[in-house]
Amino acid sequence: MMNPKLRGIVFVTAAAAVLTGCGADDIASPGAGGNVTINNNTPPPPPPPPTPPTTTLVTPASGCPTIADAQGLTDGGTITGPTGTYRVCSLPSRINRSSTLPKIAGVLYQLPGRVDVGTDQGPSSTNTDVTLTIEPGVIVYGGTGVSWLAVNRGNRINAVGTDTQPIIFTSRDNILGLNNDNSSGQWGGIVLLGRAPITDCAAPGAAPGTVACERQTEGAVDPALYGGANAADNSGRMSFVQIRYSGFVLSANSELQALTTSGIGSGTQLDHIQSFNSSDDAAEFFGGVVNMKYFVAVGAEDDNLDTDTGVKANFQYVIAVQRSDGSGDSMIEADSDNSVDGDNPRQNTKVANATFIQRRASNSAGASILIRGGADYSIVNSVLSSPENPCLRISRTQTASTTVNAAIDEAGAPFFRSFVMAGCTASPFVGSNGVTSADVAAIFGSGSNGNNSAFTLSLTNLFVNGANETAVAAFDPKSISAFFDTTNYVGAVRDANDTWYQNWTCNSATANFGGTGGMCTSLPTT
């Protein structure tokens, strides 16, 4: 028998031999009939936690700037919302000396109620009195519902933003972060009052289009008169401007629009203007001579382009989009059927390169586009989506008349070229007050002159032309107005490379314009 001590030595020696055979990373598994491999590689370190986004909140300026007007700005303390805390600098109720609102970090300018730029110079004056200049990036808000800005006759606004620093007019609730994509009607709006010819005179017996023909701004309690005889009158310039959440009812169920022009003249420059969620029209134009390019209307709860009282207007590059919550009325409403719709000057409005997205079913106009009151109207190189409404209604035989008569300022029947319409229900055309649906269909002339009332849309991103829109032969808008650019496409946006609407606009669930523009429910912090 082996000595127990010697037997232990043998077992230890044998075990060592087995371990040597397995190698450094292998250990025999008893009863497994083979080897189990264990990898001892060092695992990689866990990734670092993501860096939280940097949120820079606005801090209030130490005080309000000095402006040239003797009354100056009133320090209204501070206001705090999701984007930070701001110094509130309230404008005087009337600006009597040309003044500038500078862009200062941490400053908001408040309209505490109605704010007048200058005093009314009357219908026959030729002077320019007061100019209110607003620098790029400035934010002005209505402190109360009845806040609005009135630029009186003979005075001017110079609100010129930039592509990346638009000027924003908005509401107190927008500052406080209380709004959503359906909020509206929280302050008045902007009204430009001019000395150009108008009709529908307030004074009995006054001759339309003369200095005797004046009107009062709709909804205003105190005088806010417009009208005169200077077609070239100049109410200033507005460029790269957003107007948000406007349309508060001022009086007698009358509300302002985001932008109201009243008797302004051709010397006024309007371009790159966005209306967002006006509780009335996106913009309304009363008489005068209006020229505007690059207009974006989103979420208007009434009409998008409303034209009245003998206006001569040219609009090019228009995007108009209704909300999907059932609000909104017409894309276009031109003039009123009334006892003075034969007055001169007769309305003559021309629209080129527009894209209209109508979403409301069964509106008060009975169609997405309503032309009435003897108005002359032209729509060229444009696109209309109207899935649940008739597309075009024309009211009154005078509006539909094909007779051209310079003596009564009559240009003939409405004029359409390269205008395509989709949806339009079973009956695209509606007539009323002596005009039949067949008359309207004949005036539109689907199948000729590039017009199509049964078009199939291929729009991308809601308003950008697709293959079908690109295939439509364009009409030269310059042939009907020297103000227009010659374009070789229909619609407001030629293709994905055409981005004129980006950066200076704000975005929403209704329409996302991309670019560097933030959400309409928030404020920029730069």
Protein backbone atom coordinates (compact mmCIF):
# COMPACT_ATOMS: atom_id res chain seq x y z
CA MET A 1 0.00 0.00 0.00
CA MET A 2 1.20 3.51 -0.97
CA ASN A 3 2.17 5.78 1.83
CA PRO A 4 -0.66 8.34 2.33
CA LYS A 5 1.78 11.20 2.32
CA LEU A 6 3.34 10.00 -0.96
CA ARG A 7 -0.12 9.51 -2.49
CA GLY A 8 -1.01 13.19 -1.83
CA ILE A 9 2.16 14.31 -3.55
CA VAL A 10 1.27 12.27 -6.64
CA PHE A 11 -2.25 13.83 -6.81
CA VAL A 12 -0.89 17.34 -6.53
CA THR A 13 1.67 16.66 -9.26
CA ALA A 14 -1.00 15.24 -11.59
CA ALA A 15 -3.31 18.22 -11.07
CA ALA A 16 -0.53 20.61 -11.88
CA ALA A 17 0.13 18.71 -15.12
CA VAL A 18 -3.55 18.99 -16.14
CA LEU A 19 -3.63 22.74 -15.49
CA THR A 20 -0.47 23.20 -17.49
CA GLY A 21 -2.07 21.42 -20.44
CA CYS A 22 -5.18 23.61 -20.38
CA GLY A 23 -3.31 26.86 -20.76
CA ALA A 24 -3.75 30.16 -18.97
CA ASP A 25 -7.36 30.79 -20.11
CA ASP A 26 -8.83 27.27 -19.93
CA ILE A 27 -10.02 25.24 -16.94
CA ALA A 28 -11.22 21.65 -17.14
CA SER A 29 -14.84 21.31 -16.09
CA PRO A 30 -15.36 18.24 -13.93
CA GLY A 31 -18.03 15.95 -15.34
CA ALA A 32 -18.54 18.06 -18.49
CA GLY A 33 -16.53 15.79 -20.70
CA GLY A 34 -14.56 18.76 -22.10
CA ASN A 35 -13.23 22.19 -21.49
CA VAL A 36 -15.13 25.40 -20.67
CA THR A 37 -13.57 28.56 -22.06
CA ILE A 38 -13.63 31.73 -20.00
CA ASN A 39 -12.57 34.95 -21.76
CA ASN A 40 -10.95 37.45 -19.51
CA ASN A 41 -10.84 40.37 -22.03
CA THR A 42 -11.34 43.75 -20.36
CA PRO A 43 -14.82 45.16 -21.31
CA PRO A 44 -14.91 48.67 -22.88
CA PRO A 45 -15.78 51.52 -20.54
CA PRO A 46 -19.43 52.67 -20.61
CA PRO A 47 -20.09 55.71 -22.82
CA PRO A 48 -20.17 59.04 -21.04
CA PRO A 49 -23.65 60.39 -20.24
CA PRO A 50 -25.02 62.73 -22.92
CA THR A 51 -24.32 66.39 -22.42
CA PRO A 52 -27.60 68.08 -21.49
CA PRO A 53 -28.70 70.75 -23.99
CA THR A 54 -27.67 74.23 -23.11
CA THR A 55 -30.66 76.49 -22.51
CA THR A 56 -29.83 80.15 -22.37
CA LEU A 57 -32.62 82.12 -20.77
CA VAL A 58 -33.01 85.80 -21.44
CA THR A 59 -32.12 88.12 -18.59
CA PRO A 60 -33.72 91.56 -18.30
CA ALA A 61 -31.96 94.71 -19.40
CA SER A 62 -31.23 97.13 -16.57
CA GLY A 63 -33.57 99.75 -17.97
CA CYS A 64 -35.36 101.10 -21.05
CA PRO A 65 -33.57 102.92 -23.86
CA THR A 66 -34.08 106.61 -24.56
CA ILE A 67 -36.03 107.47 -27.70
CA ALA A 68 -36.43 110.81 -29.43
CA ASP A 69 -40.08 111.28 -28.50
CA ALA A 70 -40.41 113.63 -25.54
CA GLN A 71 -42.74 111.27 -23.65
CA GLY A 72 -40.22 108.48 -23.93
CA LEU A 73 -40.70 104.88 -22.91
CA THR A 74 -42.17 103.85 -19.57
CA ASP A 75 -40.39 101.17 -17.57
CA GLY A 76 -43.06 98.57 -16.87
CA GLY A 77 -40.90 96.31 -14.74
CA THR A 78 -40.26 92.79 -15.92
CA ILE A 79 -42.20 89.90 -17.41
CA THR A 80 -41.15 86.24 -17.22
CA GLY A 81 -41.95 83.36 -19.53
CA PRO A 82 -40.37 80.10 -20.69
CA THR A 83 -37.64 81.92 -22.63
CA GLY A 84 -36.55 84.12 -19.74
CA THR A 85 -37.22 87.43 -18.05
CA TYR A 86 -37.48 90.70 -19.96
CA ARG A 87 -37.55 94.40 -19.22
CA VAL A 88 -40.92 95.81 -20.33
CA CYS A 89 -40.68 99.18 -22.08
CA SER A 90 -44.12 100.63 -22.81
CA LEU A 91 -44.68 102.98 -25.73
CA PRO A 92 -46.53 106.26 -25.19
CA SER A 93 -50.10 106.44 -26.45
CA ARG A 94 -48.97 108.78 -29.23
CA ILE A 95 -45.50 109.11 -30.75
CA ASN A 96 -45.09 112.76 -31.72
CA ARG A 97 -41.48 112.74 -32.89
CA SER A 98 -39.68 110.35 -35.21
CA SER A 99 -38.22 107.64 -32.98
CA THR A 100 -36.39 104.32 -33.15
CA LEU A 101 -37.02 101.18 -31.10
CA PRO A 102 -33.53 99.63 -30.87
CA LYS A 103 -32.81 95.94 -30.51
CA ILE A 104 -31.50 95.50 -26.96
CA ALA A 105 -30.99 92.14 -25.30
CA GLY A 106 -33.57 91.56 -22.59
CA VAL A 107 -36.01 94.28 -23.75
CA LEU A 108 -39.59 93.88 -24.96
CA TYR A 109 -41.64 96.83 -26.19
CA GLN A 110 -45.26 96.95 -25.07
CA LEU A 111 -48.32 98.51 -26.67
CA PRO A 112 -50.31 99.38 -23.51
CA GLY A 113 -53.42 100.15 -25.57
CA ARG A 114 -53.91 101.99 -28.85
CA VAL A 115 -50.61 103.56 -29.89
CA ASP A 116 -50.68 106.23 -32.61
CA VAL A 117 -47.75 107.06 -34.82
CA GLY A 118 -48.15 110.80 -35.33
CA THR A 119 -51.44 112.63 -35.67
CA ASP A 120 -53.74 112.48 -38.65
CA GLN A 121 -52.52 114.91 -41.33
CA GLY A 122 -55.82 114.83 -43.20
CA PRO A 123 -56.69 113.63 -46.71
CA SER A 124 -55.08 116.41 -48.74
CA SER A 125 -51.75 116.98 -46.97
CA THR A 126 -48.50 116.05 -48.71
CA ASN A 127 -46.04 116.23 -45.80
CA THR A 128 -44.47 113.42 -43.81
CA ASP A 129 -44.55 114.06 -40.09
CA VAL A 130 -43.47 111.20 -37.80
CA THR A 131 -41.68 107.93 -38.66
CA LEU A 132 -41.50 105.03 -36.21
CA THR A 133 -38.42 102.90 -36.97
CA ILE A 134 -38.17 99.39 -35.51
CA GLU A 135 -34.83 97.58 -35.70
CA PRO A 136 -34.36 93.94 -36.79
CA GLY A 137 -35.05 91.39 -34.07
CA VAL A 138 -37.26 93.67 -31.95
CA ILE A 139 -40.31 92.11 -30.27
CA VAL A 140 -43.38 94.29 -29.68
CA TYR A 141 -46.37 92.88 -27.83
CA GLY A 142 -49.91 93.95 -27.05
CA GLY A 143 -50.21 94.35 -23.31
CA THR A 144 -54.02 94.16 -23.43
CA GLY A 145 -56.62 92.91 -25.87
CA VAL A 146 -57.39 96.42 -27.12
CA SER A 147 -53.74 97.15 -27.90
CA TRP A 148 -53.07 98.07 -31.52
CA LEU A 149 -50.73 100.21 -33.60
CA ALA A 150 -52.20 102.95 -35.80
CA VAL A 151 -49.91 104.67 -38.31
CA ASN A 152 -51.90 107.80 -39.13
CA ARG A 153 -52.14 109.57 -42.48
CA GLY A 154 -49.01 111.55 -43.27
CA ASN A 155 -46.85 109.40 -40.94
CA ARG A 156 -44.82 106.26 -41.53
CA ILE A 157 -43.60 102.99 -40.11
CA ASN A 158 -40.14 101.67 -40.92
CA ALA A 159 -40.25 98.10 -39.58
CA VAL A 160 -37.53 96.33 -41.54
CA GLY A 161 -36.24 93.05 -40.16
CA THR A 162 -33.90 90.58 -41.82
CA ASP A 163 -34.07 86.97 -42.93
CA THR A 164 -32.62 85.79 -39.61
CA GLN A 165 -33.82 88.66 -37.38
CA PRO A 166 -37.49 89.23 -38.14
CA ILE A 167 -39.49 91.81 -36.23
CA ILE A 168 -42.21 90.12 -34.17
CA PHE A 169 -45.54 91.66 -33.15
CA THR A 170 -47.32 89.37 -30.72
CA SER A 171 -49.43 89.02 -27.57
CA ARG A 172 -48.76 88.99 -23.83
CA ASP A 173 -49.82 85.34 -23.62
CA ASN A 174 -47.17 84.45 -26.20
CA ILE A 175 -44.54 86.03 -23.93
CA LEU A 176 -45.88 84.10 -20.93
CA GLY A 177 -45.82 80.80 -22.81
CA LEU A 178 -49.57 80.25 -22.49
CA ASN A 179 -50.42 79.79 -26.18
CA ASN A 180 -50.92 76.72 -28.30
CA ASP A 181 -51.24 76.28 -32.06
CA ASN A 182 -54.94 77.27 -31.97
CA SER A 183 -54.68 80.42 -29.83
CA SER A 184 -55.83 83.67 -31.44
CA GLY A 185 -57.45 87.06 -30.91
CA GLN A 186 -55.27 88.29 -28.04
CA TRP A 187 -54.52 91.87 -29.20
CA GLY A 188 -55.58 94.16 -32.03
CA GLY A 189 -53.08 94.32 -34.88
CA ILE A 190 -51.34 96.82 -37.16
CA VAL A 191 -53.25 99.44 -39.14
CA LEU A 192 -51.68 101.61 -41.85
CA LEU A 193 -53.80 104.67 -42.68
CA GLY A 194 -53.12 106.46 -45.96
CA ARG A 195 -54.23 109.20 -48.33
CA ALA A 196 -54.87 107.19 -51.49
CA PRO A 197 -58.29 106.96 -53.22
CA ILE A 198 -61.06 104.82 -51.70
CA THR A 199 -64.79 104.24 -52.21
CA ASP A 200 -67.77 103.72 -49.88
CA CYS A 201 -67.37 107.24 -48.50
CA ALA A 202 -68.61 107.94 -44.99
CA ALA A 203 -69.92 111.43 -45.85
CA PRO A 204 -73.18 111.45 -47.82
CA GLY A 205 -72.68 112.84 -51.30
CA ALA A 206 -68.87 112.74 -51.18
CA ALA A 207 -67.29 111.82 -54.51
CA PRO A 208 -65.42 108.48 -54.34
CA GLY A 209 -61.70 108.70 -54.97
CA THR A 210 -61.43 112.33 -53.88
CA VAL A 211 -60.21 114.08 -50.72
CA ALA A 212 -63.86 114.31 -49.65
CA CYS A 213 -64.09 110.51 -49.47
CA GLU A 214 -62.92 109.23 -46.10
CA ARG A 215 -63.75 106.25 -43.90
CA GLN A 216 -63.32 105.25 -40.27
CA THR A 217 -61.28 102.16 -39.41
CA GLU A 218 -63.53 99.23 -38.67
CA GLY A 219 -63.80 98.60 -34.93
CA ALA A 220 -61.92 101.71 -33.77
CA VAL A 221 -63.73 103.79 -31.15
CA ASP A 222 -61.65 106.96 -31.58
CA PRO A 223 -61.06 108.50 -35.02
CA ALA A 224 -58.78 106.50 -37.30
CA LEU A 225 -59.56 107.98 -40.69
CA TYR A 226 -58.22 107.07 -44.12
CA GLY A 227 -58.71 108.12 -47.72
CA GLY A 228 -57.62 110.91 -50.06
CA ALA A 229 -56.54 111.39 -53.66
CA ASN A 230 -52.81 110.57 -53.65
CA ALA A 231 -52.39 107.13 -55.26
CA ALA A 232 -48.61 107.27 -54.64
CA ASP A 233 -48.90 108.00 -50.92
CA ASN A 234 -46.23 106.41 -48.72
CA SER A 235 -47.04 104.90 -45.31
CA GLY A 236 -43.55 103.46 -44.92
CA ARG A 237 -42.13 99.95 -45.14
CA MET A 238 -42.70 96.60 -43.47
CA SER A 239 -40.33 93.75 -44.35
CA PHE A 240 -39.49 90.47 -42.59
CA VAL A 241 -42.25 90.89 -40.02
CA GLN A 242 -44.33 88.34 -38.09
CA ILE A 243 -47.75 89.30 -36.69
CA ARG A 244 -49.01 86.66 -34.24
CA TYR A 245 -52.31 86.03 -32.36
CA SER A 246 -54.08 89.24 -33.43
CA GLY A 247 -57.74 90.12 -33.99
CA PHE A 248 -59.18 91.17 -30.64
CA VAL A 249 -62.77 92.52 -30.87
CA LEU A 250 -62.39 96.28 -30.38
CA SER A 251 -66.04 97.30 -30.49
CA ALA A 252 -69.45 96.29 -31.80
CA ASN A 253 -68.27 92.79 -32.75
CA SER A 254 -65.64 94.30 -35.05
CA GLU A 255 -62.09 93.07 -34.82
CA LEU A 256 -58.87 94.03 -36.50
CA GLN A 257 -56.80 91.80 -38.74
CA ALA A 258 -53.13 91.00 -38.30
CA LEU A 259 -52.48 93.66 -40.95
CA THR A 260 -55.00 96.23 -42.11
CA THR A 261 -54.10 98.65 -44.88
CA SER A 262 -56.53 101.53 -45.29
CA GLY A 263 -56.05 103.84 -48.24
CA ILE A 264 -52.28 103.36 -48.44
CA GLY A 265 -50.52 104.34 -51.65
CA SER A 266 -48.03 102.71 -54.01
CA GLY A 267 -45.11 104.34 -52.17
CA THR A 268 -45.66 101.88 -49.29
CA GLN A 269 -43.42 98.79 -49.39
CA LEU A 270 -44.74 95.48 -48.04
CA ASP A 271 -42.82 92.20 -48.31
CA HIS A 272 -41.96 89.11 -46.28
CA ILE A 273 -44.89 89.40 -43.89
CA GLN A 274 -46.37 86.50 -41.92
CA SER A 275 -49.80 86.52 -40.30
CA PHE A 276 -50.22 83.75 -37.73
CA ASN A 277 -53.57 82.86 -36.11
CA SER A 278 -55.51 86.05 -36.68
CA SER A 279 -59.02 85.66 -35.28
CA ASP A 280 -60.30 87.65 -38.26
CA ASP A 281 -58.65 87.99 -41.68
CA ALA A 282 -54.98 87.33 -42.17
CA ALA A 283 -54.91 90.73 -43.87
CA GLU A 284 -57.55 93.11 -45.19
CA PHE A 285 -56.96 95.87 -47.70
CA PHE A 286 -59.35 98.83 -47.83
CA GLY A 287 -58.92 100.93 -50.95
CA GLY A 288 -55.72 102.62 -52.03
CA VAL A 289 -52.90 101.04 -54.03
CA VAL A 290 -51.29 97.96 -52.47
CA ASN A 291 -48.23 96.09 -53.71
CA MET A 292 -47.00 93.11 -51.70
CA LYS A 293 -44.66 90.17 -52.28
CA TYR A 294 -43.89 87.17 -50.08
CA PHE A 295 -46.93 86.90 -47.84
CA VAL A 296 -47.47 83.90 -45.54
CA ALA A 297 -50.88 83.47 -43.89
CA VAL A 298 -51.36 80.64 -41.39
CA GLY A 299 -54.42 79.87 -39.28
CA ALA A 300 -56.61 82.88 -40.12
CA GLU A 301 -60.09 82.35 -38.72
CA ASP A 302 -61.79 84.40 -41.43
CA ASP A 303 -60.38 85.17 -44.90
CA ASN A 304 -56.76 85.22 -46.04
CA LEU A 305 -56.82 87.95 -48.67
CA ASP A 306 -59.79 90.27 -48.10
CA THR A 307 -59.95 93.25 -50.48
CA ASP A 308 -62.48 96.09 -50.34
CA THR A 309 -63.55 99.65 -51.21
CA GLY A 310 -61.93 100.11 -54.60
CA VAL A 311 -58.46 98.81 -53.83
CA LYS A 312 -55.92 98.40 -56.64
CA ALA A 313 -53.74 95.53 -55.44
CA ASN A 314 -50.95 93.26 -56.61
CA PHE A 315 -49.93 90.19 -54.59
CA GLN A 316 -47.16 87.81 -55.63
CA TYR A 317 -45.74 84.76 -53.80
CA VAL A 318 -48.52 83.94 -51.35
CA ILE A 319 -48.77 80.87 -49.10
CA ALA A 320 -52.10 80.62 -47.26
CA VAL A 321 -52.91 77.64 -45.05
CA GLN A 322 -55.97 77.07 -42.88
CA ARG A 323 -55.83 75.17 -39.59
CA SER A 324 -57.31 71.69 -39.50
CA ASP A 325 -59.61 72.44 -36.53
CA GLY A 326 -62.47 73.73 -38.69
CA SER A 327 -61.69 77.44 -38.32
CA GLY A 328 -61.21 79.78 -41.23
CA ASP A 329 -63.48 81.00 -44.02
CA SER A 330 -62.32 81.86 -47.56
CA MET A 331 -58.96 81.98 -49.22
CA ILE A 332 -60.07 85.10 -51.07
CA GLU A 333 -62.99 87.46 -50.46
CA ALA A 334 -63.21 90.43 -52.81
CA ASP A 335 -65.47 93.38 -52.04
CA SER A 336 -69.11 93.47 -50.96
CA ASP A 337 -72.43 93.39 -52.77
CA ASN A 338 -73.90 96.74 -51.75
CA SER A 339 -75.53 99.87 -53.15
CA VAL A 340 -72.21 101.56 -53.96
CA ASP A 341 -70.38 98.71 -55.64
CA GLY A 342 -70.43 100.67 -58.88
CA ASP A 343 -68.27 103.42 -57.41
CA ASN A 344 -64.94 104.38 -58.97
CA PRO A 345 -62.20 103.49 -58.46
CA ARG A 346 -63.40 99.95 -59.04
CA GLN A 347 -61.47 97.24 -57.23
CA ASN A 348 -58.86 95.57 -59.43
CA THR A 349 -56.82 92.92 -57.60
CA LYS A 350 -54.20 90.71 -59.23
CA VAL A 351 -52.69 87.61 -57.66
CA ALA A 352 -49.70 85.69 -59.03
CA ASN A 353 -47.87 82.61 -57.75
CA ALA A 354 -50.10 81.72 -54.82
CA THR A 355 -50.68 78.38 -53.11
CA PHE A 356 -53.93 78.17 -51.15
CA ILE A 357 -54.66 75.27 -48.77
CA GLN A 358 -58.36 75.39 -47.83
CA ARG A 359 -59.34 72.95 -45.08
CA ARG A 360 -62.70 74.12 -43.78
CA ALA A 361 -65.83 72.56 -45.20
CA SER A 362 -68.92 74.67 -45.94
CA ASN A 363 -67.87 78.26 -45.28
CA SER A 364 -69.96 81.43 -45.35
CA ALA A 365 -68.76 82.43 -48.82
CA GLY A 366 -70.03 79.19 -50.34
CA ALA A 367 -66.67 78.60 -52.00
CA SER A 368 -62.96 78.92 -51.35
CA ILE A 369 -62.76 82.02 -53.54
CA LEU A 370 -65.51 84.65 -53.60
CA ILE A 371 -65.41 87.54 -56.09
CA ARG A 372 -68.31 90.00 -55.92
CA GLY A 373 -69.31 93.65 -55.72
CA GLY A 374 -68.32 94.45 -59.30
CA ALA A 375 -64.66 93.75 -58.51
CA ASP A 376 -62.18 93.10 -61.28
CA TYR A 377 -59.89 90.22 -60.35
CA SER A 378 -57.04 88.21 -61.86
CA ILE A 379 -55.42 84.99 -60.61
CA VAL A 380 -52.47 83.57 -62.52
CA ASN A 381 -49.84 80.88 -61.92
CA SER A 382 -51.59 79.66 -58.79
CA VAL A 383 -52.68 76.47 -57.00
CA LEU A 384 -55.78 75.87 -54.87
CA SER A 385 -56.50 72.82 -52.73
CA SER A 386 -60.18 72.76 -51.73
CA PRO A 387 -61.14 69.18 -50.90
CA GLU A 388 -64.53 69.90 -49.31
CA ASN A 389 -65.74 73.14 -50.91
CA PRO A 390 -66.68 74.50 -54.30
CA CYS A 391 -63.66 76.38 -55.57
CA LEU A 392 -64.96 79.58 -57.17
CA ARG A 393 -68.03 81.73 -56.65
CA ILE A 394 -68.84 84.91 -58.60
CA SER A 395 -71.69 87.16 -57.47
CA ARG A 396 -73.56 89.87 -59.43
CA THR A 397 -73.75 90.34 -63.17
CA GLN A 398 -71.58 93.43 -62.94
CA THR A 399 -68.73 91.31 -61.57
CA ALA A 400 -69.12 88.77 -64.37
CA SER A 401 -69.51 91.34 -67.15
CA THR A 402 -67.11 90.79 -70.05
CA THR A 403 -67.45 94.42 -71.18
CA VAL A 404 -64.31 96.54 -70.86
CA ASN A 405 -65.21 100.16 -70.20
CA ALA A 406 -62.52 102.61 -69.10
CA ALA A 407 -65.13 105.30 -68.47
CA ILE A 408 -66.41 103.36 -65.47
CA ASP A 409 -63.04 101.78 -64.64
CA GLU A 410 -64.30 98.35 -65.74
CA ALA A 411 -61.65 95.82 -66.83
CA GLY A 412 -64.07 93.04 -67.73
CA ALA A 413 -64.76 89.63 -66.20
CA PRO A 414 -62.39 87.96 -63.73
CA PHE A 415 -59.25 86.71 -65.47
CA PHE A 416 -57.58 83.31 -64.90
CA ARG A 417 -54.41 81.90 -66.45
CA SER A 418 -52.45 78.81 -65.39
CA PHE A 419 -54.63 78.43 -62.31
CA VAL A 420 -55.13 74.83 -61.15
CA MET A 421 -57.69 73.75 -58.55
CA ALA A 422 -58.07 70.40 -56.81
CA GLY A 423 -61.02 68.96 -54.88
CA CYS A 424 -63.76 71.50 -55.48
CA THR A 425 -66.48 68.94 -54.55
CA ALA A 426 -68.90 67.80 -57.25
CA SER A 427 -69.61 71.38 -58.34
CA PRO A 428 -66.45 73.48 -58.66
CA PHE A 429 -68.33 76.64 -59.63
CA VAL A 430 -71.09 78.63 -57.94
CA GLY A 431 -72.95 81.67 -59.21
CA SER A 432 -75.29 84.04 -57.38
CA ASN A 433 -77.21 87.31 -57.81
CA GLY A 434 -77.78 86.93 -61.54
CA VAL A 435 -74.69 84.82 -62.28
CA THR A 436 -75.13 81.10 -62.95
CA SER A 437 -72.73 78.25 -62.24
CA ALA A 438 -72.38 77.83 -66.01
CA ASP A 439 -71.36 81.49 -66.31
CA VAL A 440 -68.64 80.98 -63.72
CA ALA A 441 -67.42 77.82 -65.44
CA ALA A 442 -67.21 79.68 -68.75
CA ILE A 443 -65.26 82.56 -67.22
CA PHE A 444 -62.77 80.15 -65.63
CA GLY A 445 -62.43 78.11 -68.82
CA SER A 446 -61.09 74.85 -67.44
CA GLY A 447 -59.03 73.04 -70.06
CA SER A 448 -57.78 76.21 -71.73
CA ASN A 449 -55.19 78.85 -70.88
CA GLY A 450 -53.52 76.45 -68.44
CA ASN A 451 -56.59 76.40 -66.16
CA ASN A 452 -57.77 73.13 -64.63
CA SER A 453 -60.62 72.68 -62.14
CA ALA A 454 -59.98 68.93 -61.74
CA PHE A 455 -56.26 69.00 -61.04
CA THR A 456 -54.42 66.25 -59.16
CA LEU A 457 -52.08 67.71 -56.56
CA SER A 458 -48.55 66.44 -55.98
CA LEU A 459 -47.49 69.08 -53.46
CA THR A 460 -44.80 68.12 -50.94
CA ASN A 461 -44.35 69.61 -47.47
CA LEU A 462 -47.91 70.92 -47.91
CA PHE A 463 -47.06 73.80 -50.27
CA VAL A 464 -43.96 72.91 -52.36
CA ASN A 465 -44.55 72.04 -56.02
CA GLY A 466 -44.30 68.41 -57.07
CA ALA A 467 -44.17 66.83 -60.51
CA ASN A 468 -47.76 67.69 -61.47
CA GLU A 469 -47.43 71.35 -60.58
CA THR A 470 -44.08 71.57 -62.35
CA ALA A 471 -45.69 70.24 -65.53
CA VAL A 472 -48.18 73.13 -65.74
CA ALA A 473 -47.21 75.71 -68.34
CA ALA A 474 -46.78 79.11 -66.70
CA PHE A 475 -48.16 82.50 -67.67
CA ASP A 476 -46.03 85.66 -67.58
CA PRO A 477 -47.44 87.75 -64.72
CA LYS A 478 -45.56 90.83 -65.86
CA SER A 479 -47.94 91.05 -68.80
CA ILE A 480 -50.73 92.09 -66.41
CA SER A 481 -48.70 94.12 -63.88
CA ALA A 482 -45.24 95.67 -64.05
CA PHE A 483 -44.94 95.02 -60.31
CA PHE A 484 -44.79 91.26 -60.85
CA ASP A 485 -41.70 89.19 -61.53
CA THR A 486 -41.73 86.99 -64.60
CA THR A 487 -41.95 83.37 -63.40
CA ASN A 488 -41.84 80.06 -65.27
CA TYR A 489 -43.80 78.06 -62.69
CA VAL A 490 -47.16 77.99 -60.94
CA GLY A 491 -47.67 78.12 -57.18
CA ALA A 492 -45.81 80.02 -54.48
CA VAL A 493 -42.84 77.66 -54.16
CA ARG A 494 -41.14 76.41 -57.32
CA ASP A 495 -39.45 73.32 -55.82
CA ALA A 496 -37.46 72.11 -52.80
CA ASN A 497 -34.61 74.49 -53.69
CA ASP A 498 -36.90 77.50 -53.44
CA THR A 499 -36.80 78.50 -49.76
CA TRP A 500 -37.89 82.14 -49.67
CA TYR A 501 -40.34 81.31 -46.84
CA GLN A 502 -37.73 79.97 -44.39
CA ASN A 503 -35.96 81.46 -41.35
CA TRP A 504 -37.99 84.68 -40.99
CA THR A 505 -41.26 82.77 -40.40
CA CYS A 506 -42.36 80.82 -37.31
CA ASN A 507 -43.46 77.18 -37.37
CA SER A 508 -46.53 75.35 -36.09
CA ALA A 509 -48.44 72.10 -36.43
CA THR A 510 -50.44 73.80 -39.19
CA ALA A 511 -47.44 74.62 -41.38
CA ASN A 512 -43.79 73.83 -40.83
CA PHE A 513 -41.53 76.11 -42.84
CA GLY A 514 -38.28 74.63 -41.51
CA GLY A 515 -35.15 76.74 -41.52
CA THR A 516 -34.01 78.50 -38.39
CA GLY A 517 -37.43 79.87 -37.52
CA GLY A 518 -38.64 78.65 -34.13
CA MET A 519 -42.13 77.70 -33.05
CA CYS A 520 -44.83 80.36 -33.12
CA THR A 521 -45.73 79.44 -29.55
CA SER A 522 -42.27 80.51 -28.36
CA LEU A 523 -39.89 83.45 -28.74
CA PRO A 524 -36.37 83.65 -30.12
CA THR A 525 -33.74 84.15 -27.41
CA THR A 526 -31.19 85.97 -29.54
